[in-house]
């Protein structure tokens, strides 16, 4: 089963995009990364998906799970 995911990625033309995992097109575009992350977090929570936040170089800087976390913390 593939997991749903959303990504915040740098747009080469400037700004930041929120994309659905595996998607080519941005579902939202923002001038500032913080705005993109805030919006992506709401989308991810609503759709119970994984959220990946990428840096300018494309590497994943942070990952949040808003759904069926395969490794929930004990307790």
C-alpha atoms as a PDB file:
ATOM      1  CA  UNK A   1       0.000   0.000   0.000  1.00  0.00           C
ATOM      2  CA  UNK A   2       1.421   3.369  -0.944  1.00  0.00           C
ATOM      3  CA  UNK A   3       1.212   6.118   1.612  1.00  0.00           C
ATOM      4  CA  UNK A   4      -0.321   9.487   0.865  1.00  0.00           C
ATOM      5  CA  UNK A   5       2.139  12.325   1.118  1.00  0.00           C
ATOM      6  CA  UNK A   6       2.494  16.048   0.573  1.00  0.00           C
ATOM      7  CA  UNK A   7       5.722  17.945  -0.034  1.00  0.00           C
ATOM      8  CA  UNK A   8       6.888  21.532   0.412  1.00  0.00           C
ATOM      9  CA  UNK A   9       9.494  22.180  -2.274  1.00  0.00           C
ATOM     10  CA  UNK A  10      11.396  25.192  -3.574  1.00  0.00           C
ATOM     11  CA  UNK A  11      10.125  26.532  -6.889  1.00  0.00           C
ATOM     12  CA  UNK A  12      13.018  27.189  -9.303  1.00  0.00           C
ATOM     13  CA  UNK A  13      11.171  30.322 -10.471  1.00  0.00           C
ATOM     14  CA  UNK A  14      10.996  31.628  -6.904  1.00  0.00           C
ATOM     15  CA  UNK A  15       8.881  30.895  -3.876  1.00  0.00           C
ATOM     16  CA  UNK A  16       7.692  27.565  -2.499  1.00  0.00           C
ATOM     17  CA  UNK A  17       5.205  24.980  -3.731  1.00  0.00           C
ATOM     18  CA  UNK A  18       3.011  22.454  -1.988  1.00  0.00           C
ATOM     19  CA  UNK A  19       2.762  19.278  -4.055  1.00  0.00           C
ATOM     20  CA  UNK A  20       0.976  15.984  -3.636  1.00  0.00           C
ATOM     21  CA  UNK A  21       3.371  13.040  -3.499  1.00  0.00           C
ATOM     22  CA  UNK A  22       4.100  11.827  -7.036  1.00  0.00           C
ATOM     23  CA  UNK A  23       2.479  14.903  -8.563  1.00  0.00           C
ATOM     24  CA  UNK A  24       4.179  17.181 -11.049  1.00  0.00           C
ATOM     25  CA  UNK A  25       2.057  20.289 -10.582  1.00  0.00           C
ATOM     26  CA  UNK A  26       1.888  22.424  -7.477  1.00  0.00           C
ATOM     27  CA  UNK A  27      -1.448  22.426  -5.674  1.00  0.00           C
ATOM     28  CA  UNK A  28      -0.516  25.725  -3.988  1.00  0.00           C
ATOM     29  CA  UNK A  29       2.260  28.308  -4.394  1.00  0.00           C
ATOM     30  CA  UNK A  30       3.633  30.737  -1.793  1.00  0.00           C
ATOM     31  CA  UNK A  31       6.265  33.456  -1.725  1.00  0.00           C
ATOM     32  CA  UNK A  32       7.529  32.421   1.731  1.00  0.00           C
ATOM     33  CA  UNK A  33       8.451  28.956   2.974  1.00  0.00           C
ATOM     34  CA  UNK A  34       6.697  29.431   6.328  1.00  0.00           C
ATOM     35  CA  UNK A  35       3.383  30.129   4.578  1.00  0.00           C
ATOM     36  CA  UNK A  36       3.835  27.017   2.419  1.00  0.00           C
ATOM     37  CA  UNK A  37       4.647  24.855   5.438  1.00  0.00           C
ATOM     38  CA  UNK A  38       1.652  26.163   7.406  1.00  0.00           C
ATOM     39  CA  UNK A  39      -0.734  25.465   4.522  1.00  0.00           C
ATOM     40  CA  UNK A  40       0.810  22.060   3.778  1.00  0.00           C
ATOM     41  CA  UNK A  41       0.501  21.053   7.430  1.00  0.00           C
ATOM     42  CA  UNK A  42      -3.251  21.804   7.389  1.00  0.00           C
ATOM     43  CA  UNK A  43      -3.698  19.860   4.135  1.00  0.00           C
ATOM     44  CA  UNK A  44      -1.670  16.950   5.498  1.00  0.00           C
ATOM     45  CA  UNK A  45      -3.652  16.841   8.743  1.00  0.00           C
ATOM     46  CA  UNK A  46      -6.971  16.940   6.882  1.00  0.00           C
ATOM     47  CA  UNK A  47      -5.926  14.162   4.512  1.00  0.00           C
ATOM     48  CA  UNK A  48      -3.993  12.179   7.154  1.00  0.00           C
ATOM     49  CA  UNK A  49      -0.850  12.076   5.028  1.00  0.00           C
ATOM     50  CA  UNK A  50       2.888  12.262   5.525  1.00  0.00           C
ATOM     51  CA  UNK A  51       4.368  15.762   5.199  1.00  0.00           C
ATOM     52  CA  UNK A  52       7.882  16.232   3.819  1.00  0.00           C
ATOM     53  CA  UNK A  53       9.514  19.652   4.054  1.00  0.00           C
ATOM     54  CA  UNK A  54      12.422  20.112   1.650  1.00  0.00           C
ATOM     55  CA  UNK A  55      15.228  22.665   1.694  1.00  0.00           C
ATOM     56  CA  UNK A  56      16.470  24.828  -1.169  1.00  0.00           C
ATOM     57  CA  UNK A  57      18.722  21.972  -2.305  1.00  0.00           C
ATOM     58  CA  UNK A  58      15.824  19.502  -2.430  1.00  0.00           C
ATOM     59  CA  UNK A  59      16.900  17.445   0.568  1.00  0.00           C
ATOM     60  CA  UNK A  60      14.281  16.580   3.173  1.00  0.00           C
ATOM     61  CA  UNK A  61      14.734  18.756   6.256  1.00  0.00           C
ATOM     62  CA  UNK A  62      11.728  17.632   8.267  1.00  0.00           C
ATOM     63  CA  UNK A  63       9.046  14.950   8.134  1.00  0.00           C
ATOM     64  CA  UNK A  64       5.703  14.930   9.948  1.00  0.00           C
ATOM     65  CA  UNK A  65       3.198  12.091  10.120  1.00  0.00           C
ATOM     66  CA  UNK A  66      -0.462  13.088  10.248  1.00  0.00           C
ATOM     67  CA  UNK A  67      -2.120   9.748   9.877  1.00  0.00           C
ATOM     68  CA  UNK A  68      -1.346   6.135  10.461  1.00  0.00           C
ATOM     69  CA  UNK A  69       2.125   6.485  11.906  1.00  0.00           C
ATOM     70  CA  UNK A  70       3.841   3.091  11.492  1.00  0.00           C
ATOM     71  CA  UNK A  71       6.108   3.812  14.499  1.00  0.00           C
ATOM     72  CA  UNK A  72       4.093   5.736  17.098  1.00  0.00           C
ATOM     73  CA  UNK A  73       5.935   6.665  20.270  1.00  0.00           C
ATOM     74  CA  UNK A  74       5.462   4.246  23.191  1.00  0.00           C
ATOM     75  CA  UNK A  75       2.920   5.160  25.826  1.00  0.00           C
END
